Structures are given as structure tokens and as C-alpha cells.
Amino acid sequence: MPPATEKPPSNPGLNLALFTIPQYALLQVGTASMLLLVSASKITAEALIAMGQASEEVFRASMLPILEFPLEKGNRGFKS
């Protein structure tokens, strides 16, 4: 652990070869991306739930047509 009297670095941030990215810029980019990720996940979850409910409505038995199949000779099936 460094001593308490030691001075912090004069230019904190990400030091690259040609330039330095300050910490506040990294924090802003990280915060914005996390907020975007959280809101996108909520929107995606709501969209998937809506699609699931819509597909249930499409495939409900009361909405499907009744199909009558022709009976072949020798077939002992019941015709409804």
C-alpha cells in the first residue's frame, strides 16, 4: 500500500503512445454504455413477452379452422 503522503499522478487516465484519455471521459463512456445496455435489455424482454403473447393468440384452438380429412377405403376412422 502506498504511503498516505504520496502525491497522486498529475495526469490520471489511460496513457497511450500518442495521447492520454482522462478518467472522466472513460467514466462517461462506461456509464453511458451501461445505461444503454440496461434499457436495451428491458426493451428486448418486453418485446419478447409481447411476441410470445401474440403467438399464443395466433395458435389458440378456438381460432384455428377445423380440417376434415378424406377417408380412404378400408380406413376405419371416424368422421366428425
PDB file of N, CA and C in Angstrom:
ATOM      1  N   MET A   1       0.853  -1.168   0.000  1.00  0.00           N
ATOM      2  CA  MET A   1       0.000   0.000   0.000  1.00  0.00           C
ATOM      3  C   MET A   1       0.899   1.233   0.000  1.00  0.00           C
ATOM      4  N   PRO A   2       0.636   2.214  -0.867  1.00  0.00           N
ATOM      5  CA  PRO A   2       1.488   3.394  -0.909  1.00  0.00           C
ATOM      6  C   PRO A   2       1.258   4.271   0.322  1.00  0.00           C
ATOM      7  N   PRO A   3       2.252   5.033   0.698  1.00  0.00           N
ATOM      8  CA  PRO A   3       2.079   5.914   1.866  1.00  0.00           C
ATOM      9  C   PRO A   3       1.034   6.997   1.596  1.00  0.00           C
ATOM     10  N   ALA A   4       0.414   7.492   2.670  1.00  0.00           N
ATOM     11  CA  ALA A   4      -0.655   8.477   2.552  1.00  0.00           C
ATOM     12  C   ALA A   4      -0.148   9.832   2.091  1.00  0.00           C
ATOM     13  N   THR A   5       1.136  10.118   2.271  1.00  0.00           N
ATOM     14  CA  THR A   5       1.677  11.431   1.896  1.00  0.00           C
ATOM     15  C   THR A   5       2.109  11.494   0.441  1.00  0.00           C
ATOM     16  N   GLU A   6       2.039  10.376  -0.258  1.00  0.00           N
ATOM     17  CA  GLU A   6       2.458  10.358  -1.659  1.00  0.00           C
ATOM     18  C   GLU A   6       1.448  11.101  -2.521  1.00  0.00           C
ATOM     19  N   LYS A   7       1.937  11.899  -3.470  1.00  0.00           N
ATOM     20  CA  LYS A   7       1.063  12.665  -4.357  1.00  0.00           C
ATOM     21  C   LYS A   7       0.483  11.738  -5.429  1.00  0.00           C
ATOM     22  N   PRO A   8      -0.783  11.961  -5.799  1.00  0.00           N
ATOM     23  CA  PRO A   8      -1.346  11.173  -6.898  1.00  0.00           C
ATOM     24  C   PRO A   8      -0.702  11.606  -8.210  1.00  0.00           C
ATOM     25  N   PRO A   9      -0.772  10.773  -9.231  1.00  0.00           N
ATOM     26  CA  PRO A   9      -0.187  11.151 -10.517  1.00  0.00           C
ATOM     27  C   PRO A   9      -0.821  12.439 -11.051  1.00  0.00           C
ATOM     28  N   SER A  10      -0.034  13.236 -11.749  1.00  0.00           N
ATOM     29  CA  SER A  10      -0.505  14.546 -12.206  1.00  0.00           C
ATOM     30  C   SER A  10      -1.571  14.435 -13.300  1.00  0.00           C
ATOM     31  N   ASN A  11      -1.469  13.448 -14.168  1.00  0.00           N
ATOM     32  CA  ASN A  11      -2.465  13.293 -15.231  1.00  0.00           C
ATOM     33  C   ASN A  11      -3.025  11.873 -15.198  1.00  0.00           C
ATOM     34  N   PRO A  12      -4.019  11.635 -14.305  1.00  0.00           N
ATOM     35  CA  PRO A  12      -4.600  10.297 -14.243  1.00  0.00           C
ATOM     36  C   PRO A  12      -5.405  10.015 -15.503  1.00  0.00           C
ATOM     37  N   GLY A  13      -5.326   8.811 -15.947  1.00  0.00           N
ATOM     38  CA  GLY A  13      -6.070   8.409 -17.129  1.00  0.00           C
ATOM     39  C   GLY A  13      -5.364   7.272 -17.827  1.00  0.00           C
ATOM     40  N   LEU A  14      -5.800   6.980 -19.008  1.00  0.00           N
ATOM     41  CA  LEU A  14      -5.237   5.906 -19.810  1.00  0.00           C
ATOM     42  C   LEU A  14      -4.160   6.492 -20.710  1.00  0.00           C
ATOM     43  N   ASN A  15      -2.914   6.145 -20.443  1.00  0.00           N
ATOM     44  CA  ASN A  15      -1.795   6.666 -21.229  1.00  0.00           C
ATOM     45  C   ASN A  15      -1.545   5.755 -22.417  1.00  0.00           C
ATOM     46  N   LEU A  16      -1.765   6.286 -23.600  1.00  0.00           N
ATOM     47  CA  LEU A  16      -1.457   5.576 -24.827  1.00  0.00           C
ATOM     48  C   LEU A  16      -0.204   6.193 -25.428  1.00  0.00           C
ATOM     49  N   ALA A  17       0.276   5.654 -26.504  1.00  0.00           N
ATOM     50  CA  ALA A  17       1.535   6.121 -27.083  1.00  0.00           C
ATOM     51  C   ALA A  17       1.450   7.579 -27.538  1.00  0.00           C
ATOM     52  N   LEU A  18       0.365   7.962 -28.205  1.00  0.00           N
ATOM     53  CA  LEU A  18       0.281   9.302 -28.776  1.00  0.00           C
ATOM     54  C   LEU A  18      -0.552  10.278 -27.954  1.00  0.00           C
ATOM     55  N   PHE A  19      -1.455   9.786 -27.137  1.00  0.00           N
ATOM     56  CA  PHE A  19      -2.324  10.684 -26.369  1.00  0.00           C
ATOM     57  C   PHE A  19      -2.776   9.996 -25.090  1.00  0.00           C
ATOM     58  N   THR A  20      -3.408  10.780 -24.206  1.00  0.00           N
ATOM     59  CA  THR A  20      -3.907  10.279 -22.932  1.00  0.00           C
ATOM     60  C   THR A  20      -5.413  10.498 -22.874  1.00  0.00           C
ATOM     61  N   ILE A  21      -6.142   9.467 -22.453  1.00  0.00           N
ATOM     62  CA  ILE A  21      -7.591   9.585 -22.278  1.00  0.00           C
ATOM     63  C   ILE A  21      -7.843   9.818 -20.793  1.00  0.00           C
ATOM     64  N   PRO A  22      -8.457  10.942 -20.415  1.00  0.00           N
ATOM     65  CA  PRO A  22      -8.686  11.230 -18.997  1.00  0.00           C
ATOM     66  C   PRO A  22      -9.702  10.272 -18.378  1.00  0.00           C
ATOM     67  N   GLN A  23      -9.627  10.154 -17.047  1.00  0.00           N
ATOM     68  CA  GLN A  23     -10.508   9.228 -16.334  1.00  0.00           C
ATOM     69  C   GLN A  23     -11.974   9.614 -16.473  1.00  0.00           C
ATOM     70  N   TYR A  24     -12.270  10.910 -16.447  1.00  0.00           N
ATOM     71  CA  TYR A  24     -13.675  11.317 -16.534  1.00  0.00           C
ATOM     72  C   TYR A  24     -14.289  10.913 -17.877  1.00  0.00           C
ATOM     73  N   ALA A  25     -13.492  10.929 -18.947  1.00  0.00           N
ATOM     74  CA  ALA A  25     -14.012  10.513 -20.252  1.00  0.00           C
ATOM     75  C   ALA A  25     -14.287   9.013 -20.264  1.00  0.00           C
ATOM     76  N   LEU A  26     -13.400   8.243 -19.663  1.00  0.00           N
ATOM     77  CA  LEU A  26     -13.620   6.795 -19.577  1.00  0.00           C
ATOM     78  C   LEU A  26     -14.850   6.484 -18.737  1.00  0.00           C
ATOM     79  N   LEU A  27     -15.031   7.234 -17.643  1.00  0.00           N
ATOM     80  CA  LEU A  27     -16.191   7.027 -16.780  1.00  0.00           C
ATOM     81  C   LEU A  27     -17.488   7.380 -17.511  1.00  0.00           C
ATOM     82  N   GLN A  28     -17.488   8.460 -18.280  1.00  0.00           N
ATOM     83  CA  GLN A  28     -18.681   8.850 -19.029  1.00  0.00           C
ATOM     84  C   GLN A  28     -19.043   7.808 -20.078  1.00  0.00           C
ATOM     85  N   VAL A  29     -18.050   7.316 -20.792  1.00  0.00           N
ATOM     86  CA  VAL A  29     -18.307   6.311 -21.825  1.00  0.00           C
ATOM     87  C   VAL A  29     -18.815   5.018 -21.189  1.00  0.00           C
ATOM     88  N   GLY A  30     -18.203   4.620 -20.077  1.00  0.00           N
ATOM     89  CA  GLY A  30     -18.634   3.399 -19.397  1.00  0.00           C
ATOM     90  C   GLY A  30     -20.038   3.513 -18.836  1.00  0.00           C
ATOM     91  N   THR A  31     -20.368   4.663 -18.257  1.00  0.00           N
ATOM     92  CA  THR A  31     -21.699   4.866 -17.691  1.00  0.00           C
ATOM     93  C   THR A  31     -22.761   4.882 -18.785  1.00  0.00           C
ATOM     94  N   ALA A  32     -22.483   5.587 -19.860  1.00  0.00           N
ATOM     95  CA  ALA A  32     -23.456   5.656 -20.955  1.00  0.00           C
ATOM     96  C   ALA A  32     -23.698   4.283 -21.565  1.00  0.00           C
ATOM     97  N   SER A  33     -22.637   3.507 -21.743  1.00  0.00           N
ATOM     98  CA  SER A  33     -22.816   2.182 -22.339  1.00  0.00           C
ATOM     99  C   SER A  33     -23.586   1.250 -21.407  1.00  0.00           C
ATOM    100  N   MET A  34     -23.361   1.357 -20.105  1.00  0.00           N
ATOM    101  CA  MET A  34     -24.106   0.511 -19.166  1.00  0.00           C
ATOM    102  C   MET A  34     -25.588   0.896 -19.133  1.00  0.00           C
ATOM    103  N   LEU A  35     -25.890   2.198 -19.147  1.00  0.00           N
ATOM    104  CA  LEU A  35     -27.295   2.626 -19.169  1.00  0.00           C
ATOM    105  C   LEU A  35     -27.985   2.182 -20.449  1.00  0.00           C
ATOM    106  N   LEU A  36     -27.285   2.271 -21.554  1.00  0.00           N
ATOM    107  CA  LEU A  36     -27.837   1.810 -22.827  1.00  0.00           C
ATOM    108  C   LEU A  36     -28.088   0.306 -22.799  1.00  0.00           C
ATOM    109  N   LEU A  37     -27.179  -0.440 -22.211  1.00  0.00           N
ATOM    110  CA  LEU A  37     -27.330  -1.890 -22.116  1.00  0.00           C
ATOM    111  C   LEU A  37     -28.526  -2.270 -21.248  1.00  0.00           C
ATOM    112  N   VAL A  38     -28.704  -1.597 -20.125  1.00  0.00           N
ATOM    113  CA  VAL A  38     -29.828  -1.899 -19.236  1.00  0.00           C
ATOM    114  C   VAL A  38     -31.158  -1.581 -19.919  1.00  0.00           C
ATOM    115  N   SER A  39     -31.246  -0.417 -20.557  1.00  0.00           N
ATOM    116  CA  SER A  39     -32.508  -0.067 -21.217  1.00  0.00           C
ATOM    117  C   SER A  39     -32.781  -0.973 -22.420  1.00  0.00           C
ATOM    118  N   ALA A  40     -31.745  -1.361 -23.152  1.00  0.00           N
ATOM    119  CA  ALA A  40     -31.940  -2.273 -24.284  1.00  0.00           C
ATOM    120  C   ALA A  40     -32.401  -3.644 -23.813  1.00  0.00           C
ATOM    121  N   SER A  41     -31.888  -4.104 -22.680  1.00  0.00           N
ATOM    122  CA  SER A  41     -32.317  -5.412 -22.180  1.00  0.00           C
ATOM    123  C   SER A  41     -33.773  -5.373 -21.727  1.00  0.00           C
ATOM    124  N   LYS A  42     -34.199  -4.266 -21.123  1.00  0.00           N
ATOM    125  CA  LYS A  42     -35.605  -4.147 -20.721  1.00  0.00           C
ATOM    126  C   LYS A  42     -36.519  -4.112 -21.941  1.00  0.00           C
ATOM    127  N   ILE A  43     -36.128  -3.362 -22.951  1.00  0.00           N
ATOM    128  CA  ILE A  43     -36.939  -3.273 -24.170  1.00  0.00           C
ATOM    129  C   ILE A  43     -37.009  -4.626 -24.866  1.00  0.00           C
ATOM    130  N   THR A  44     -35.890  -5.346 -24.901  1.00  0.00           N
ATOM    131  CA  THR A  44     -35.864  -6.668 -25.527  1.00  0.00           C
ATOM    132  C   THR A  44     -36.758  -7.646 -24.776  1.00  0.00           C
ATOM    133  N   ALA A  45     -36.712  -7.610 -23.454  1.00  0.00           N
ATOM    134  CA  ALA A  45     -37.552  -8.506 -22.662  1.00  0.00           C
ATOM    135  C   ALA A  45     -39.030  -8.219 -22.902  1.00  0.00           C
ATOM    136  N   GLU A  46     -39.406  -6.936 -22.940  1.00  0.00           N
ATOM    137  CA  GLU A  46     -40.802  -6.585 -23.189  1.00  0.00           C
ATOM    138  C   GLU A  46     -41.243  -7.012 -24.591  1.00  0.00           C
ATOM    139  N   ALA A  47     -40.359  -6.868 -25.568  1.00  0.00           N
ATOM    140  CA  ALA A  47     -40.698  -7.272 -26.936  1.00  0.00           C
ATOM    141  C   ALA A  47     -40.874  -8.782 -27.034  1.00  0.00           C
ATOM    142  N   LEU A  48     -40.018  -9.542 -26.365  1.00  0.00           N
ATOM    143  CA  LEU A  48     -40.149 -11.000 -26.393  1.00  0.00           C
ATOM    144  C   LEU A  48     -41.430 -11.458 -25.706  1.00  0.00           C
ATOM    145  N   ILE A  49     -41.798 -10.811 -24.622  1.00  0.00           N
ATOM    146  CA  ILE A  49     -43.048 -11.159 -23.940  1.00  0.00           C
ATOM    147  C   ILE A  49     -44.241 -10.856 -24.843  1.00  0.00           C
ATOM    148  N   ALA A  50     -44.219  -9.708 -25.514  1.00  0.00           N
ATOM    149  CA  ALA A  50     -45.315  -9.348 -26.419  1.00  0.00           C
ATOM    150  C   ALA A  50     -45.405 -10.320 -27.586  1.00  0.00           C
ATOM    151  N   MET A  51     -44.262 -10.733 -28.122  1.00  0.00           N
ATOM    152  CA  MET A  51     -44.276 -11.702 -29.224  1.00  0.00           C
ATOM    153  C   MET A  51     -44.808 -13.049 -28.754  1.00  0.00           C
ATOM    154  N   GLY A  52     -44.474 -13.457 -27.549  1.00  0.00           N
ATOM    155  CA  GLY A  52     -44.986 -14.712 -27.015  1.00  0.00           C
ATOM    156  C   GLY A  52     -46.492 -14.679 -26.832  1.00  0.00           C
ATOM    157  N   GLN A  53     -47.000 -13.563 -26.322  1.00  0.00           N
ATOM    158  CA  GLN A  53     -48.447 -13.437 -26.150  1.00  0.00           C
ATOM    159  C   GLN A  53     -49.164 -13.403 -27.499  1.00  0.00           C
ATOM    160  N   ALA A  54     -48.566 -12.747 -28.477  1.00  0.00           N
ATOM    161  CA  ALA A  54     -49.179 -12.705 -29.806  1.00  0.00           C
ATOM    162  C   ALA A  54     -49.193 -14.086 -30.449  1.00  0.00           C
ATOM    163  N   SER A  55     -48.136 -14.858 -30.265  1.00  0.00           N
ATOM    164  CA  SER A  55     -48.109 -16.195 -30.852  1.00  0.00           C
ATOM    165  C   SER A  55     -49.108 -17.116 -30.158  1.00  0.00           C
ATOM    166  N   GLU A  56     -49.351 -16.910 -28.872  1.00  0.00           N
ATOM    167  CA  GLU A  56     -50.383 -17.697 -28.191  1.00  0.00           C
ATOM    168  C   GLU A  56     -51.756 -17.392 -28.783  1.00  0.00           C
ATOM    169  N   GLU A  57     -52.012 -16.139 -29.087  1.00  0.00           N
ATOM    170  CA  GLU A  57     -53.299 -15.765 -29.670  1.00  0.00           C
ATOM    171  C   GLU A  57     -53.471 -16.358 -31.059  1.00  0.00           C
ATOM    172  N   VAL A  58     -52.404 -16.428 -31.830  1.00  0.00           N
ATOM    173  CA  VAL A  58     -52.495 -16.973 -33.184  1.00  0.00           C
ATOM    174  C   VAL A  58     -52.808 -18.461 -33.145  1.00  0.00           C
ATOM    175  N   PHE A  59     -52.199 -19.177 -32.221  1.00  0.00           N
ATOM    176  CA  PHE A  59     -52.329 -20.630 -32.202  1.00  0.00           C
ATOM    177  C   PHE A  59     -53.343 -21.140 -31.181  1.00  0.00           C
ATOM    178  N   ARG A  60     -54.236 -20.287 -30.729  1.00  0.00           N
ATOM    179  CA  ARG A  60     -55.302 -20.762 -29.846  1.00  0.00           C
ATOM    180  C   ARG A  60     -56.210 -21.703 -30.616  1.00  0.00           C
ATOM    181  N   ALA A  61     -56.706 -22.723 -29.961  1.00  0.00           N
ATOM    182  CA  ALA A  61     -57.526 -23.732 -30.640  1.00  0.00           C
ATOM    183  C   ALA A  61     -58.843 -23.146 -31.141  1.00  0.00           C
ATOM    184  N   SER A  62     -59.372 -22.158 -30.477  1.00  0.00           N
ATOM    185  CA  SER A  62     -60.657 -21.596 -30.911  1.00  0.00           C
ATOM    186  C   SER A  62     -60.525 -20.799 -32.200  1.00  0.00           C
ATOM    187  N   MET A  63     -59.332 -20.384 -32.537  1.00  0.00           N
ATOM    188  CA  MET A  63     -59.122 -19.583 -33.737  1.00  0.00           C
ATOM    189  C   MET A  63     -58.702 -20.422 -34.939  1.00  0.00           C
ATOM    190  N   LEU A  64     -58.303 -21.659 -34.719  1.00  0.00           N
ATOM    191  CA  LEU A  64     -57.834 -22.497 -35.813  1.00  0.00           C
ATOM    192  C   LEU A  64     -59.016 -23.125 -36.546  1.00  0.00           C
ATOM    193  N   PRO A  65     -58.935 -23.272 -37.853  1.00  0.00           N
ATOM    194  CA  PRO A  65     -60.033 -23.902 -38.594  1.00  0.00           C
ATOM    195  C   PRO A  65     -60.043 -25.413 -38.354  1.00  0.00           C
ATOM    196  N   ILE A  66     -61.215 -25.994 -38.484  1.00  0.00           N
ATOM    197  CA  ILE A  66     -61.341 -27.443 -38.358  1.00  0.00           C
ATOM    198  C   ILE A  66     -61.115 -28.042 -39.738  1.00  0.00           C
ATOM    199  N   LEU A  67     -60.152 -28.909 -39.837  1.00  0.00           N
ATOM    200  CA  LEU A  67     -59.810 -29.533 -41.112  1.00  0.00           C
ATOM    201  C   LEU A  67     -60.438 -30.915 -41.179  1.00  0.00           C
ATOM    202  N   GLU A  68     -61.117 -31.188 -42.274  1.00  0.00           N
ATOM    203  CA  GLU A  68     -61.698 -32.511 -42.468  1.00  0.00           C
ATOM    204  C   GLU A  68     -60.844 -33.254 -43.480  1.00  0.00           C
ATOM    205  N   PHE A  69     -60.390 -34.415 -43.096  1.00  0.00           N
ATOM    206  CA  PHE A  69     -59.554 -35.230 -43.964  1.00  0.00           C
ATOM    207  C   PHE A  69     -60.428 -36.273 -44.650  1.00  0.00           C
ATOM    208  N   PRO A  70     -60.187 -36.524 -45.929  1.00  0.00           N
ATOM    209  CA  PRO A  70     -60.984 -37.546 -46.624  1.00  0.00           C
ATOM    210  C   PRO A  70     -60.620 -38.936 -46.103  1.00  0.00           C
ATOM    211  N   LEU A  71     -61.647 -39.765 -45.985  1.00  0.00           N
ATOM    212  CA  LEU A  71     -61.419 -41.126 -45.518  1.00  0.00           C
ATOM    213  C   LEU A  71     -61.090 -42.016 -46.708  1.00  0.00           C
ATOM    214  N   GLU A  72     -60.078 -42.836 -46.563  1.00  0.00           N
ATOM    215  CA  GLU A  72     -59.707 -43.772 -47.622  1.00  0.00           C
ATOM    216  C   GLU A  72     -60.494 -45.062 -47.444  1.00  0.00           C
ATOM    217  N   LYS A  73     -60.531 -45.870 -48.500  1.00  0.00           N
ATOM    218  CA  LYS A  73     -61.217 -47.157 -48.405  1.00  0.00           C
ATOM    219  C   LYS A  73     -60.459 -48.035 -47.430  1.00  0.00           C
ATOM    220  N   GLY A  74     -61.186 -48.682 -46.600  1.00  0.00           N
ATOM    221  CA  GLY A  74     -60.576 -49.582 -45.627  1.00  0.00           C
ATOM    222  C   GLY A  74     -60.141 -48.872 -44.350  1.00  0.00           C
ATOM    223  N   ASN A  75     -60.233 -47.572 -44.323  1.00  0.00           N
ATOM    224  CA  ASN A  75     -59.860 -46.835 -43.121  1.00  0.00           C
ATOM    225  C   ASN A  75     -61.070 -46.800 -42.204  1.00  0.00           C
ATOM    226  N   ARG A  76     -60.877 -47.178 -40.965  1.00  0.00           N
ATOM    227  CA  ARG A  76     -61.996 -47.243 -40.040  1.00  0.00           C
ATOM    228  C   ARG A  76     -62.028 -46.028 -39.119  1.00  0.00           C
ATOM    229  N   GLY A  77     -61.556 -44.926 -39.595  1.00  0.00           N
ATOM    230  CA  GLY A  77     -61.570 -43.714 -38.774  1.00  0.00           C
ATOM    231  C   GLY A  77     -62.959 -43.121 -38.691  1.00  0.00           C
ATOM    232  N   PHE A  78     -63.178 -42.349 -37.697  1.00  0.00           N
ATOM    233  CA  PHE A  78     -64.455 -41.679 -37.528  1.00  0.00           C
ATOM    234  C   PHE A  78     -64.382 -40.314 -38.181  1.00  0.00           C
ATOM    235  N   LYS A  79     -65.459 -39.961 -38.851  1.00  0.00           N
ATOM    236  CA  LYS A  79     -65.533 -38.645 -39.459  1.00  0.00           C
ATOM    237  C   LYS A  79     -66.369 -37.766 -38.544  1.00  0.00           C
ATOM    238  N   SER A  80     -65.782 -36.620 -38.174  1.00  0.00           N
ATOM    239  CA  SER A  80     -66.524 -35.746 -37.265  1.00  0.00           C
ATOM    240  C   SER A  80     -67.116 -34.580 -37.985  1.00  0.00           C
TER     241      SER A  80
END
